[in-house]
Amino acid sequence: MAGALTEVLGEVLVAADGEEVAVSALAARGVSLLKLWNKYRVSNVPSLIFIDASTGKVVCRNGLLVIRDDPEGLEFPWGPKPFSEVVAGPLLRNNGQMLDSSALEGSHVGVYFSAHWCPPCRSLTRVLVESYRKIKEAGQKFEILFVSADRSEDSFKQYFSEMPWVAVPYADEARRSRLNRLYGIQGIPTLIVLDSKGEVITRQGRVEVLNDIECREFPWHPKPVLELTDSNAVQLNEGPCLVLFVDSEDDGESEAAKQLIQPIAEKIIAKYKAKDEETPLLFFVAGEDDMTDSLRDYTNLPEAAPLLTILDMSARAKYVMDVEEITPEIVEAFVSDFLADKLKPEPI
């Protein structure tokens, strides 16, 4: 093995009896299996991810769907295909009108994975309908594609009747499954926002819609540093997150903290984007509110502000730097030491 995957695994020997030998090899080198969870953004199990061993790059995130859909391996090596190719075919409006997927060309597209049986999905759909209307009324070329996870066609029809956009026909299970595979969907609701060329702008469309009710920031290009809110706190479960806690009684404190962190976040994001890898850290500033208090309680953090932390929920680990003044040099050294595995974790 070589490339990025080697950085995580080192050299791993796997014998016929498999797991025991592989794990012992990892343990002998002091490598935590949780690094694999974080690197590949695994949020639930079972999860099967196909990787190009020569580069360490992800070939397919939804390996379980691949095995189900292509048991003979006819589509091997299951690499990602362009959105236009995967979505190709007839699409449906809720009045029964059919149109070709080519109608999406030249528009920003929100690929919406959702289901009627899912309460958070129904709540998001109500907000999304209004966002869709505002964006269209502003003259933007925007379409939403509903990819149903409903359990019956009747449920699909009932749910889709509330939506003013287009959908993959429920009967076309193969195309719905291919779209799930393309974006590695691990839970719903998920809204993937694409640019007019079919490239991903953000996988966090749900968070963006809820945080930007007036749609002023559409098409929601990712920000290097986010202010921690109730709606985006779910991202804390997606991998290690740097969270700088500040005293929000000072109106300028949160903005100053963002400006302090942003150059460092941008540098990290650019470095990993150049390697075509996902950023190993998300960056947040947290003020003082009930949600932040709950997070401090849950992670057993001191009440100090400012307080610089890295929280890794999946590993149930935290890294804390409690100093009187947070400077760019302190943040950069903290991040560098974390990425180099030089920090000792404390349990959450």
Foldseek 3Di string as FASTA:
>chain_A
DDAPVCVQQPDADADPVGDVRRVVSRVVVVHDPVVVCLQLLPQDPDWDWDADVHHRDTQWGRVVLCCVLPVVCPVPPNGADFPCVLQFDWKAALVGDIDTPCVLAQAKEKEWEAFPVDVVRVVLQVLVQLVVVLCVVVVHRYAYEYLYPYPDLVRVSVSRNSHGGIYDRPVPVVSSSSVCGNVVDDDDGWIFIAHNRRHTQDRVPSLVSVVCSNCPPPVCRDALEEADDPSCVVCLARAKEKEWEAACVPVCTQVVVCVQCRVVSVVQCVVQVVSVGHRSYGYYYYYDDPVVVVVCVVLVHDPDPRKIKIQGVVVQWMFTDDDPDDGSVNVNVVVVCVVVVNTDTDGD
